[in-house]
Amino acid sequence: MNGAATRRSKEGFLVALGAALMLIVLLVLQSLVGSGLLSARTVTVTTTSTDIPMGQVLGSFAEHMLMLQSRNLTAVVSQYEPNASVTWTGNQGPAAVEAPAVGLGNFSRAFDTFLYQPCGFHDTVRSFTVENVTQSTEFNPDGSATVDSTFSFAGNSSLWGEFSGSVSARDAFSYSKTGVFLISQETWNFTQYHDEYPVNPGMVC
């Protein structure tokens, strides 16, 4: 009788020990899984909040260059804020205008002079292209952006034949109420200018 009781006591002890060991193993496994050692690894790619507006700025700048080349004066002017300023310096050739031009009406006339009819002669520029565009962009904490660029241009005029030049530019873009980036300030430095038939120095543009 005592032997049977002893065996049952040992068996109960072993069962309890086994259960305790199993519980310990489960707790350890749960701890490992929770710590990520045995869990599936997931790689997440995140983007910063400035990525989307940066893309919009680059798109606006690229469109600006395309509109210049197309000589779509209405589209070009629509890319500026109403009180924006445009300043041209350097060798502007016969397309020279007084600077800065402030307000849509003033720099609309400046671009009309540059793209169509310098020196007041109607439709003297017959073709115009923009080439070799480079740019670098800085996104500012206040939500604005600055684009520094260089580009070259070439065309044909009924007055001075083939002409070409290069520009170093800076454009300040601000986010508008309409949900697009517009140019608030633009500076062009004409670093080079050449034409086939130089304009008479006495000609006043």
N, C-alpha and C. Protein backbone atom coordinates (compact mmCIF):
# COMPACT_ATOMS: atom_id res chain seq x y z
N MET A 1 0.84 -1.21 0.00
CA MET A 1 0.00 0.00 0.00
C MET A 1 0.86 1.25 0.00
N ASN A 2 1.87 1.26 0.88
CA ASN A 2 2.77 2.40 0.95
C ASN A 2 3.55 2.58 -0.36
N GLY A 3 3.89 1.42 -1.03
CA GLY A 3 4.64 1.49 -2.30
C GLY A 3 3.81 2.13 -3.38
N ALA A 4 2.54 1.76 -3.46
CA ALA A 4 1.67 2.34 -4.49
C ALA A 4 1.51 3.84 -4.27
N ALA A 5 1.38 4.25 -3.02
CA ALA A 5 1.22 5.68 -2.71
C ALA A 5 2.48 6.44 -3.07
N THR A 6 3.61 5.79 -2.82
CA THR A 6 4.88 6.46 -3.14
C THR A 6 5.03 6.66 -4.64
N ARG A 7 4.62 5.60 -5.46
CA ARG A 7 4.71 5.72 -6.91
C ARG A 7 3.81 6.85 -7.43
N ARG A 8 2.56 6.88 -6.87
CA ARG A 8 1.64 7.93 -7.31
C ARG A 8 2.18 9.32 -6.96
N SER A 9 2.84 9.41 -5.79
CA SER A 9 3.41 10.69 -5.38
C SER A 9 4.52 11.12 -6.33
N LYS A 10 5.39 10.14 -6.73
CA LYS A 10 6.47 10.45 -7.66
C LYS A 10 5.93 10.85 -9.03
N GLU A 11 4.89 10.11 -9.49
CA GLU A 11 4.31 10.42 -10.80
C GLU A 11 3.68 11.82 -10.81
N GLY A 12 3.01 12.15 -9.69
CA GLY A 12 2.41 13.48 -9.59
C GLY A 12 3.45 14.57 -9.60
N PHE A 13 4.55 14.28 -8.91
CA PHE A 13 5.64 15.26 -8.87
C PHE A 13 6.23 15.47 -10.26
N LEU A 14 6.43 14.37 -11.02
CA LEU A 14 7.00 14.46 -12.36
C LEU A 14 6.06 15.21 -13.30
N VAL A 15 4.75 14.94 -13.20
CA VAL A 15 3.78 15.65 -14.04
C VAL A 15 3.81 17.15 -13.75
N ALA A 16 3.83 17.48 -12.46
CA ALA A 16 3.87 18.88 -12.06
C ALA A 16 5.15 19.56 -12.53
N LEU A 17 6.29 18.79 -12.40
CA LEU A 17 7.57 19.33 -12.86
C LEU A 17 7.56 19.56 -14.36
N GLY A 18 6.97 18.56 -15.08
CA GLY A 18 6.90 18.70 -16.54
C GLY A 18 6.05 19.90 -16.95
N ALA A 19 4.94 20.09 -16.27
CA ALA A 19 4.06 21.21 -16.59
C ALA A 19 4.76 22.54 -16.30
N ALA A 20 5.50 22.56 -15.18
CA ALA A 20 6.21 23.78 -14.83
C ALA A 20 7.28 24.11 -15.86
N LEU A 21 8.02 23.05 -16.29
CA LEU A 21 9.05 23.27 -17.32
C LEU A 21 8.43 23.75 -18.63
N MET A 22 7.29 23.17 -19.01
CA MET A 22 6.61 23.56 -20.24
C MET A 22 6.17 25.03 -20.16
N LEU A 23 5.67 25.41 -18.98
CA LEU A 23 5.25 26.80 -18.78
C LEU A 23 6.42 27.75 -18.91
N ILE A 24 7.55 27.35 -18.34
CA ILE A 24 8.76 28.18 -18.43
C ILE A 24 9.20 28.34 -19.88
N VAL A 25 9.18 27.21 -20.63
CA VAL A 25 9.57 27.24 -22.05
C VAL A 25 8.65 28.16 -22.84
N LEU A 26 7.33 28.06 -22.59
CA LEU A 26 6.36 28.91 -23.29
C LEU A 26 6.59 30.38 -22.98
N LEU A 27 6.87 30.67 -21.69
CA LEU A 27 7.11 32.06 -21.31
C LEU A 27 8.37 32.61 -21.98
N VAL A 28 9.42 31.78 -22.07
CA VAL A 28 10.66 32.20 -22.72
C VAL A 28 10.43 32.45 -24.21
N LEU A 29 9.69 31.54 -24.86
CA LEU A 29 9.40 31.70 -26.28
C LEU A 29 8.58 32.97 -26.54
N GLN A 30 7.60 33.20 -25.69
CA GLN A 30 6.79 34.39 -25.83
C GLN A 30 7.63 35.65 -25.70
N SER A 31 8.59 35.60 -24.76
CA SER A 31 9.47 36.74 -24.57
C SER A 31 10.33 36.98 -25.79
N LEU A 32 10.86 35.90 -26.39
CA LEU A 32 11.71 36.02 -27.57
C LEU A 32 10.94 36.56 -28.76
N VAL A 33 9.73 36.04 -28.96
CA VAL A 33 8.91 36.50 -30.08
C VAL A 33 8.57 37.97 -29.90
N GLY A 34 8.22 38.33 -28.68
CA GLY A 34 7.87 39.71 -28.41
C GLY A 34 9.03 40.66 -28.63
N SER A 35 10.24 40.18 -28.38
CA SER A 35 11.41 41.05 -28.56
C SER A 35 11.82 41.16 -30.02
N GLY A 36 11.22 40.37 -30.89
CA GLY A 36 11.54 40.45 -32.31
C GLY A 36 12.58 39.46 -32.75
N LEU A 37 13.16 38.70 -31.85
CA LEU A 37 14.22 37.76 -32.24
C LEU A 37 13.68 36.64 -33.10
N LEU A 38 12.45 36.21 -32.85
CA LEU A 38 11.85 35.15 -33.64
C LEU A 38 10.70 35.65 -34.50
N SER A 39 10.47 36.92 -34.52
CA SER A 39 9.36 37.46 -35.29
C SER A 39 9.81 37.77 -36.71
N ALA A 40 8.83 37.93 -37.62
CA ALA A 40 9.15 38.28 -39.00
C ALA A 40 9.68 39.70 -39.05
N ARG A 41 10.71 39.93 -39.90
CA ARG A 41 11.31 41.26 -40.01
C ARG A 41 10.65 41.99 -41.18
N THR A 42 10.25 43.25 -40.97
CA THR A 42 9.59 44.06 -41.99
C THR A 42 10.40 45.32 -42.23
N VAL A 43 10.73 45.58 -43.51
CA VAL A 43 11.47 46.79 -43.88
C VAL A 43 10.47 47.81 -44.39
N THR A 44 10.44 48.97 -43.77
CA THR A 44 9.51 50.02 -44.15
C THR A 44 10.27 51.23 -44.70
N VAL A 45 9.88 51.68 -45.88
CA VAL A 45 10.49 52.86 -46.48
C VAL A 45 9.57 54.04 -46.23
N THR A 46 10.08 55.07 -45.60
CA THR A 46 9.27 56.25 -45.31
C THR A 46 9.82 57.45 -46.06
N THR A 47 8.98 58.43 -46.31
CA THR A 47 9.40 59.67 -46.95
C THR A 47 9.09 60.83 -46.01
N THR A 48 9.88 61.86 -46.12
CA THR A 48 9.67 63.03 -45.26
C THR A 48 8.56 63.90 -45.83
N SER A 49 8.05 64.79 -45.01
CA SER A 49 6.94 65.63 -45.43
C SER A 49 7.33 66.61 -46.52
N THR A 50 8.64 66.82 -46.74
CA THR A 50 9.07 67.78 -47.76
C THR A 50 9.17 67.16 -49.14
N ASP A 51 9.07 65.83 -49.26
CA ASP A 51 9.27 65.20 -50.55
C ASP A 51 8.23 65.62 -51.57
N ILE A 52 6.96 65.67 -51.16
CA ILE A 52 5.90 66.00 -52.10
C ILE A 52 6.02 67.44 -52.58
N PRO A 53 6.12 68.45 -51.70
CA PRO A 53 6.28 69.81 -52.21
C PRO A 53 7.56 70.00 -53.00
N MET A 54 8.63 69.28 -52.66
CA MET A 54 9.85 69.39 -53.44
C MET A 54 9.59 68.95 -54.88
N GLY A 55 8.83 67.86 -55.03
CA GLY A 55 8.47 67.41 -56.37
C GLY A 55 7.65 68.45 -57.11
N GLN A 56 6.77 69.13 -56.39
CA GLN A 56 5.95 70.17 -57.00
C GLN A 56 6.81 71.35 -57.45
N VAL A 57 7.80 71.71 -56.64
CA VAL A 57 8.70 72.81 -57.01
C VAL A 57 9.48 72.45 -58.28
N LEU A 58 10.02 71.24 -58.31
CA LEU A 58 10.78 70.83 -59.49
C LEU A 58 9.89 70.80 -60.73
N GLY A 59 8.64 70.37 -60.55
CA GLY A 59 7.71 70.37 -61.66
C GLY A 59 7.41 71.78 -62.15
N SER A 60 7.24 72.71 -61.20
CA SER A 60 6.97 74.10 -61.57
C SER A 60 8.15 74.71 -62.30
N PHE A 61 9.38 74.39 -61.84
CA PHE A 61 10.56 74.94 -62.51
C PHE A 61 10.70 74.37 -63.91
N ALA A 62 10.49 73.07 -64.06
CA ALA A 62 10.59 72.45 -65.39
C ALA A 62 9.55 73.04 -66.34
N GLU A 63 8.35 73.27 -65.83
CA GLU A 63 7.30 73.89 -66.64
C GLU A 63 7.69 75.32 -67.03
N HIS A 64 8.36 76.01 -66.11
CA HIS A 64 8.80 77.38 -66.39
C HIS A 64 9.75 77.40 -67.59
N MET A 65 10.68 76.48 -67.63
CA MET A 65 11.60 76.40 -68.76
C MET A 65 10.88 76.06 -70.06
N LEU A 66 9.92 75.14 -69.98
CA LEU A 66 9.16 74.76 -71.17
C LEU A 66 8.32 75.91 -71.69
N MET A 67 7.71 76.67 -70.78
CA MET A 67 6.88 77.79 -71.21
C MET A 67 7.73 78.89 -71.85
N LEU A 68 8.94 79.10 -71.33
CA LEU A 68 9.85 80.06 -71.96
C LEU A 68 10.17 79.64 -73.39
N GLN A 69 10.50 78.37 -73.56
CA GLN A 69 10.86 77.90 -74.89
C GLN A 69 9.68 77.98 -75.85
N SER A 70 8.48 77.70 -75.35
CA SER A 70 7.30 77.75 -76.21
C SER A 70 6.89 79.19 -76.53
N ARG A 71 7.46 80.15 -75.78
CA ARG A 71 7.13 81.57 -75.92
C ARG A 71 5.64 81.83 -75.72
N ASN A 72 5.07 81.05 -74.80
CA ASN A 72 3.67 81.25 -74.42
C ASN A 72 3.65 82.29 -73.31
N LEU A 73 3.55 83.55 -73.69
CA LEU A 73 3.70 84.64 -72.74
C LEU A 73 2.66 84.59 -71.62
N THR A 74 1.43 84.25 -71.95
CA THR A 74 0.37 84.17 -70.94
C THR A 74 0.70 83.10 -69.91
N ALA A 75 1.18 81.94 -70.38
CA ALA A 75 1.52 80.85 -69.47
C ALA A 75 2.73 81.21 -68.62
N VAL A 76 3.71 81.89 -69.21
CA VAL A 76 4.90 82.30 -68.46
C VAL A 76 4.51 83.22 -67.31
N VAL A 77 3.72 84.24 -67.60
CA VAL A 77 3.33 85.21 -66.59
C VAL A 77 2.49 84.58 -65.49
N SER A 78 1.70 83.56 -65.83
CA SER A 78 0.84 82.91 -64.84
C SER A 78 1.63 82.15 -63.78
N GLN A 79 2.94 81.98 -63.99
CA GLN A 79 3.76 81.24 -63.03
C GLN A 79 4.33 82.14 -61.93
N TYR A 80 3.98 83.43 -61.95
CA TYR A 80 4.49 84.38 -60.96
C TYR A 80 3.37 84.86 -60.04
N GLU A 81 3.77 85.21 -58.82
CA GLU A 81 2.83 85.88 -57.93
C GLU A 81 2.54 87.28 -58.46
N PRO A 82 1.37 87.85 -58.12
CA PRO A 82 1.01 89.18 -58.64
C PRO A 82 2.02 90.27 -58.33
N ASN A 83 2.66 90.19 -57.17
CA ASN A 83 3.64 91.23 -56.78
C ASN A 83 5.08 90.74 -56.90
N ALA A 84 5.31 89.74 -57.72
CA ALA A 84 6.66 89.21 -57.89
C ALA A 84 7.54 90.25 -58.58
N SER A 85 8.86 90.06 -58.44
CA SER A 85 9.82 90.95 -59.10
C SER A 85 10.77 90.12 -59.95
N VAL A 86 11.12 90.66 -61.10
CA VAL A 86 12.06 90.03 -62.02
C VAL A 86 13.21 91.00 -62.26
N THR A 87 14.43 90.55 -62.01
CA THR A 87 15.62 91.39 -62.18
C THR A 87 16.56 90.73 -63.18
N TRP A 88 16.97 91.48 -64.20
CA TRP A 88 17.93 91.00 -65.19
C TRP A 88 19.19 91.83 -65.10
N THR A 89 20.34 91.16 -65.08
CA THR A 89 21.62 91.84 -65.04
C THR A 89 22.54 91.23 -66.10
N GLY A 90 23.70 91.86 -66.29
CA GLY A 90 24.67 91.32 -67.22
C GLY A 90 24.42 91.76 -68.66
N ASN A 91 24.96 90.98 -69.61
CA ASN A 91 24.88 91.31 -71.03
C ASN A 91 23.60 90.76 -71.63
N GLN A 92 22.56 91.60 -71.65
CA GLN A 92 21.26 91.16 -72.17
C GLN A 92 21.12 91.37 -73.66
N GLY A 93 22.14 91.97 -74.30
CA GLY A 93 22.05 92.22 -75.73
C GLY A 93 20.97 93.23 -76.05
N PRO A 94 20.45 93.19 -77.26
CA PRO A 94 19.43 94.16 -77.67
C PRO A 94 18.09 93.96 -76.97
N ALA A 95 17.95 92.88 -76.19
CA ALA A 95 16.71 92.63 -75.47
C ALA A 95 16.75 93.27 -74.09
N ALA A 96 17.71 94.15 -73.84
CA ALA A 96 17.90 94.72 -72.52
C ALA A 96 16.65 95.47 -72.04
N VAL A 97 16.33 95.29 -70.78
CA VAL A 97 15.22 96.00 -70.17
C VAL A 97 15.68 96.55 -68.84
N GLU A 98 14.98 97.59 -68.39
CA GLU A 98 15.30 98.13 -67.08
C GLU A 98 14.84 97.17 -65.99
N ALA A 99 15.61 97.09 -64.91
CA ALA A 99 15.29 96.13 -63.85
C ALA A 99 15.40 96.83 -62.50
N PRO A 100 14.73 96.33 -61.49
CA PRO A 100 13.83 95.17 -61.56
C PRO A 100 12.45 95.55 -62.11
N ALA A 101 11.81 94.57 -62.71
CA ALA A 101 10.43 94.73 -63.14
C ALA A 101 9.54 94.12 -62.07
N VAL A 102 8.67 94.91 -61.47
CA VAL A 102 7.84 94.45 -60.36
C VAL A 102 6.38 94.45 -60.81
N GLY A 103 5.68 93.35 -60.54
CA GLY A 103 4.27 93.25 -60.91
C GLY A 103 4.09 92.60 -62.27
N LEU A 104 2.95 91.93 -62.44
CA LEU A 104 2.70 91.15 -63.65
C LEU A 104 2.81 91.97 -64.92
N GLY A 105 2.27 93.19 -64.90
CA GLY A 105 2.30 94.00 -66.11
C GLY A 105 3.70 94.36 -66.53
N ASN A 106 4.55 94.70 -65.57
CA ASN A 106 5.91 95.13 -65.89
C ASN A 106 6.76 94.00 -66.44
N PHE A 107 6.77 92.84 -65.77
CA PHE A 107 7.64 91.80 -66.33
C PHE A 107 6.98 91.05 -67.47
N SER A 108 5.67 91.24 -67.67
CA SER A 108 5.06 90.75 -68.90
C SER A 108 5.65 91.49 -70.09
N ARG A 109 5.82 92.81 -69.94
CA ARG A 109 6.45 93.60 -71.01
C ARG A 109 7.92 93.22 -71.18
N ALA A 110 8.59 92.89 -70.05
CA ALA A 110 10.00 92.49 -70.14
C ALA A 110 10.15 91.20 -70.95
N PHE A 111 9.29 90.23 -70.67
CA PHE A 111 9.38 88.97 -71.42
C PHE A 111 8.92 89.13 -72.86
N ASP A 112 7.98 90.02 -73.10
CA ASP A 112 7.56 90.28 -74.47
C ASP A 112 8.74 90.86 -75.26
N THR A 113 9.52 91.73 -74.61
CA THR A 113 10.71 92.29 -75.24
C THR A 113 11.74 91.20 -75.53
N PHE A 114 11.93 90.30 -74.57
CA PHE A 114 12.96 89.26 -74.70
C PHE A 114 12.57 88.19 -75.71
N LEU A 115 11.30 87.79 -75.72
CA LEU A 115 10.87 86.64 -76.53
C LEU A 115 10.33 87.01 -77.90
N TYR A 116 9.90 88.27 -78.08
CA TYR A 116 9.22 88.62 -79.33
C TYR A 116 9.79 89.85 -80.04
N GLN A 117 9.79 90.99 -79.37
CA GLN A 117 10.02 92.23 -80.10
C GLN A 117 10.93 93.20 -79.36
N PRO A 118 12.21 92.85 -79.23
CA PRO A 118 13.15 93.79 -78.61
C PRO A 118 13.28 95.06 -79.41
N CYS A 119 13.61 96.12 -78.71
CA CYS A 119 13.79 97.44 -79.30
C CYS A 119 12.51 98.00 -79.90
N GLY A 120 11.37 97.39 -79.54
CA GLY A 120 10.10 97.92 -80.01
C GLY A 120 9.72 97.51 -81.42
N PHE A 121 10.54 96.70 -82.11
CA PHE A 121 10.21 96.24 -83.46
C PHE A 121 9.32 95.00 -83.37
N HIS A 122 8.22 95.01 -84.06
CA HIS A 122 7.21 93.96 -83.92
C HIS A 122 7.69 92.62 -84.48
N ASP A 123 7.58 91.59 -83.64
CA ASP A 123 7.88 90.21 -84.03
C ASP A 123 9.25 90.05 -84.70
N THR A 124 10.26 90.65 -84.13
CA THR A 124 11.60 90.52 -84.69
C THR A 124 12.24 89.18 -84.35
N VAL A 125 11.88 88.58 -83.20
CA VAL A 125 12.41 87.26 -82.84
C VAL A 125 11.53 86.20 -83.48
N ARG A 126 12.13 85.41 -84.37
CA ARG A 126 11.35 84.43 -85.14
C ARG A 126 11.41 83.03 -84.55
N SER A 127 12.45 82.74 -83.75
CA SER A 127 12.54 81.43 -83.10
C SER A 127 13.33 81.59 -81.80
N PHE A 128 13.09 80.66 -80.90
CA PHE A 128 13.74 80.76 -79.59
C PHE A 128 13.74 79.39 -78.94
N THR A 129 14.90 78.96 -78.42
CA THR A 129 15.00 77.67 -77.73
C THR A 129 15.77 77.84 -76.41
N VAL A 130 15.47 76.98 -75.45
CA VAL A 130 16.17 76.93 -74.17
C VAL A 130 16.87 75.57 -74.09
N GLU A 131 18.15 75.57 -73.71
CA GLU A 131 18.94 74.34 -73.71
C GLU A 131 19.83 74.28 -72.48
N ASN A 132 20.40 73.08 -72.26
CA ASN A 132 21.45 72.86 -71.25
C ASN A 132 21.05 73.38 -69.87
N VAL A 133 19.87 73.01 -69.43
CA VAL A 133 19.37 73.47 -68.14
C VAL A 133 19.96 72.63 -67.01
N THR A 134 20.53 73.29 -66.01
CA THR A 134 20.96 72.61 -64.78
C THR A 134 20.30 73.33 -63.61
N GLN A 135 20.04 72.61 -62.53
CA GLN A 135 19.39 73.25 -61.39
C GLN A 135 19.72 72.53 -60.09
N SER A 136 19.71 73.30 -59.00
CA SER A 136 19.81 72.75 -57.65
C SER A 136 18.76 73.45 -56.81
N THR A 137 18.12 72.70 -55.91
CA THR A 137 16.97 73.21 -55.18
C THR A 137 17.19 73.10 -53.68
N GLU A 138 16.83 74.16 -52.97
CA GLU A 138 16.88 74.16 -51.51
C GLU A 138 15.48 74.42 -50.99
N PHE A 139 14.99 73.51 -50.15
CA PHE A 139 13.66 73.65 -49.58
C PHE A 139 13.79 74.28 -48.20
N ASN A 140 13.13 75.41 -47.99
CA ASN A 140 13.27 76.18 -46.77
C ASN A 140 12.25 75.79 -45.71
N PRO A 141 12.58 75.97 -44.42
CA PRO A 141 11.67 75.58 -43.32
C PRO A 141 10.30 76.24 -43.40
N ASP A 142 10.21 77.42 -44.00
CA ASP A 142 8.91 78.11 -44.05
C ASP A 142 8.02 77.61 -45.19
N GLY A 143 8.47 76.58 -45.91
CA GLY A 143 7.66 76.02 -46.99
C GLY A 143 7.98 76.59 -48.36
N SER A 144 8.86 77.58 -48.42
CA SER A 144 9.28 78.12 -49.71
C SER A 144 10.47 77.33 -50.23
N ALA A 145 10.89 77.63 -51.44
CA ALA A 145 12.03 76.92 -52.03
C ALA A 145 12.81 77.88 -52.92
N THR A 146 14.10 77.63 -53.04
CA THR A 146 14.97 78.42 -53.90
C THR A 146 15.61 77.51 -54.93
N VAL A 147 15.48 77.86 -56.19
CA VAL A 147 16.07 77.08 -57.28
C VAL A 147 17.15 77.90 -57.95
N ASP A 148 18.39 77.44 -57.87
CA ASP A 148 19.50 78.05 -58.60
C ASP A 148 19.71 77.26 -59.89
N SER A 149 19.81 77.94 -60.99
CA SER A 149 19.90 77.24 -62.28
C SER A 149 20.81 77.97 -63.24
N THR A 150 21.20 77.25 -64.26
CA THR A 150 21.87 77.84 -65.42
C THR A 150 21.20 77.28 -66.66
N PHE A 151 21.16 78.07 -67.71
CA PHE A 151 20.64 77.57 -68.99
C PHE A 151 21.19 78.43 -70.11
N SER A 152 21.14 77.89 -71.30
CA SER A 152 21.54 78.65 -72.48
C SER A 152 20.32 78.83 -73.37
N PHE A 153 20.38 79.82 -74.23
CA PHE A 153 19.28 80.06 -75.16
C PHE A 153 19.84 80.40 -76.52
N ALA A 154 19.03 80.21 -77.53
CA ALA A 154 19.44 80.51 -78.90
C ALA A 154 18.19 80.82 -79.71
N GLY A 155 18.37 81.61 -80.75
CA GLY A 155 17.23 81.96 -81.58
C GLY A 155 17.64 82.65 -82.85
N ASN A 156 16.63 83.16 -83.55
CA ASN A 156 16.87 83.87 -84.80
C ASN A 156 16.02 85.13 -84.82
N SER A 157 16.64 86.21 -85.23
CA SER A 157 15.96 87.51 -85.27
C SER A 157 16.05 88.09 -86.68
N SER A 158 15.00 88.77 -87.10
CA SER A 158 15.03 89.42 -88.41
C SER A 158 15.96 90.62 -88.43
N LEU A 159 16.37 91.10 -87.26
CA LEU A 159 17.26 92.26 -87.18
C LEU A 159 18.73 91.88 -87.06
N TRP A 160 19.06 90.93 -86.15
CA TRP A 160 20.47 90.62 -85.90
C TRP A 160 20.82 89.15 -86.14
N GLY A 161 20.00 88.45 -86.88
CA GLY A 161 20.32 87.09 -87.29
C GLY A 161 20.32 86.10 -86.14
N GLU A 162 21.22 85.13 -86.22
CA GLU A 162 21.32 84.12 -85.17
C GLU A 162 21.87 84.75 -83.89
N PHE A 163 21.26 84.41 -82.76
CA PHE A 163 21.75 84.92 -81.49
C PHE A 163 21.73 83.82 -80.45
N SER A 164 22.55 83.96 -79.42
CA SER A 164 22.62 82.95 -78.36
C SER A 164 23.19 83.60 -77.10
N GLY A 165 23.02 82.92 -76.00
CA GLY A 165 23.54 83.43 -74.74
C GLY A 165 23.36 82.42 -73.63
N SER A 166 23.77 82.78 -72.44
CA SER A 166 23.63 81.90 -71.28
C SER A 166 23.23 82.74 -70.07
N VAL A 167 22.55 82.09 -69.14
CA VAL A 167 21.99 82.79 -67.98
C VAL A 167 22.27 81.99 -66.72
N SER A 168 22.63 82.69 -65.65
CA SER A 168 22.69 82.11 -64.31
C SER A 168 21.50 82.70 -63.55
N ALA A 169 20.61 81.85 -63.06
CA ALA A 169 19.35 82.33 -62.52
C ALA A 169 19.11 81.85 -61.09
N ARG A 170 18.27 82.61 -60.39
CA ARG A 170 17.78 82.20 -59.07
C ARG A 170 16.29 82.51 -59.00
N ASP A 171 15.50 81.49 -58.66
CA ASP A 171 14.05 81.65 -58.52
C ASP A 171 13.63 81.29 -57.11
N ALA A 172 12.85 82.17 -56.49
CA ALA A 172 12.26 81.90 -55.18
C ALA A 172 10.81 81.49 -55.40
N PHE A 173 10.45 80.27 -54.97
CA PHE A 173 9.10 79.75 -55.13
C PHE A 173 8.39 79.76 -53.78
N SER A 174 7.13 80.19 -53.79
CA SER A 174 6.30 80.18 -52.59
C SER A 174 5.00 79.44 -52.88
N TYR A 175 4.48 78.75 -51.86
CA TYR A 175 3.24 78.00 -52.02
C TYR A 175 2.06 78.96 -51.99
N SER A 176 1.23 78.92 -53.02
CA SER A 176 0.14 79.88 -53.14
C SER A 176 -1.16 79.32 -52.58
N LYS A 177 -2.14 80.19 -52.45
CA LYS A 177 -3.46 79.78 -51.97
C LYS A 177 -4.17 78.86 -52.94
N THR A 178 -3.75 78.88 -54.20
CA THR A 178 -4.36 78.02 -55.21
C THR A 178 -3.78 76.61 -55.19
N GLY A 179 -2.82 76.36 -54.30
CA GLY A 179 -2.27 75.02 -54.16
C GLY A 179 -1.13 74.70 -55.10
N VAL A 180 -0.50 75.71 -55.67
CA VAL A 180 0.66 75.50 -56.54
C VAL A 180 1.79 76.41 -56.10
N PHE A 181 3.00 76.09 -56.54
CA PHE A 181 4.15 76.94 -56.24
C PHE A 181 4.29 78.00 -57.33
N LEU A 182 4.38 79.27 -56.91
CA LEU A 182 4.56 80.38 -57.83
C LEU A 182 5.87 81.09 -57.53
N ILE A 183 6.42 81.75 -58.53
CA ILE A 183 7.67 82.48 -58.37
C ILE A 183 7.39 83.83 -57.71
N SER A 184 8.06 84.08 -56.61
CA SER A 184 7.89 85.38 -55.93
C SER A 184 9.02 86.34 -56.28
N GLN A 185 10.17 85.80 -56.64
CA GLN A 185 11.30 86.65 -57.02
C GLN A 185 12.21 85.87 -57.96
N GLU A 186 12.66 86.54 -59.01
CA GLU A 186 13.52 85.88 -60.00
C GLU A 186 14.63 86.84 -60.42
N THR A 187 15.86 86.31 -60.47
CA THR A 187 17.02 87.08 -60.92
C THR A 187 17.73 86.32 -62.02
N TRP A 188 17.93 86.96 -63.14
CA TRP A 188 18.72 86.40 -64.23
C TRP A 188 19.98 87.23 -64.42
N ASN A 189 21.12 86.56 -64.42
CA ASN A 189 22.37 87.22 -64.79
C ASN A 189 22.80 86.67 -66.15
N PHE A 190 22.73 87.50 -67.18
CA PHE A 190 23.13 87.09 -68.52
C PHE A 190 24.66 87.06 -68.58
N THR A 191 25.21 85.86 -68.50
CA THR A 191 26.67 85.72 -68.45
C THR A 191 27.32 85.79 -69.83
N GLN A 192 26.54 85.50 -70.88
CA GLN A 192 27.06 85.60 -72.25
C GLN A 192 25.94 86.03 -73.17
N TYR A 193 26.34 86.74 -74.24
CA TYR A 193 25.38 87.05 -75.30
C TYR A 193 26.16 87.26 -76.60
N HIS A 194 25.68 86.64 -77.69
CA HIS A 194 26.31 86.78 -79.01
C HIS A 194 25.21 86.91 -80.05
N ASP A 195 25.42 87.72 -81.06
CA ASP A 195 24.49 87.75 -82.19
C ASP A 195 25.26 87.85 -83.51
N GLU A 196 24.58 87.47 -84.57
CA GLU A 196 25.21 87.40 -85.89
C GLU A 196 25.48 88.78 -86.47
N TYR A 197 24.53 89.69 -86.34
CA TYR A 197 24.68 91.05 -86.85
C TYR A 197 24.49 92.01 -85.67
N PRO A 198 25.58 92.39 -85.03
CA PRO A 198 25.46 93.25 -83.82
C PRO A 198 24.64 94.49 -84.08
N VAL A 199 23.81 94.81 -83.13
CA VAL A 199 22.93 95.96 -83.24
C VAL A 199 23.75 97.26 -83.17
N ASN A 200 23.35 98.23 -83.95
CA ASN A 200 24.00 99.53 -83.93
C ASN A 200 24.01 100.08 -82.50
N PRO A 201 25.18 100.42 -81.96
CA PRO A 201 25.24 100.89 -80.57
C PRO A 201 24.36 102.10 -80.30
N GLY A 202 24.03 102.85 -81.36
CA GLY A 202 23.20 104.02 -81.17
C GLY A 202 21.73 103.70 -81.03
N MET A 203 21.36 102.46 -81.32
CA MET A 203 19.96 102.06 -81.22
C MET A 203 19.54 102.02 -79.75
N VAL A 204 18.50 102.67 -79.42
CA VAL A 204 18.00 102.70 -78.05
C VAL A 204 16.87 101.69 -77.92
N CYS A 205 17.03 100.76 -77.00
CA CYS A 205 16.00 99.75 -76.80
C CYS A 205 15.14 100.14 -75.60
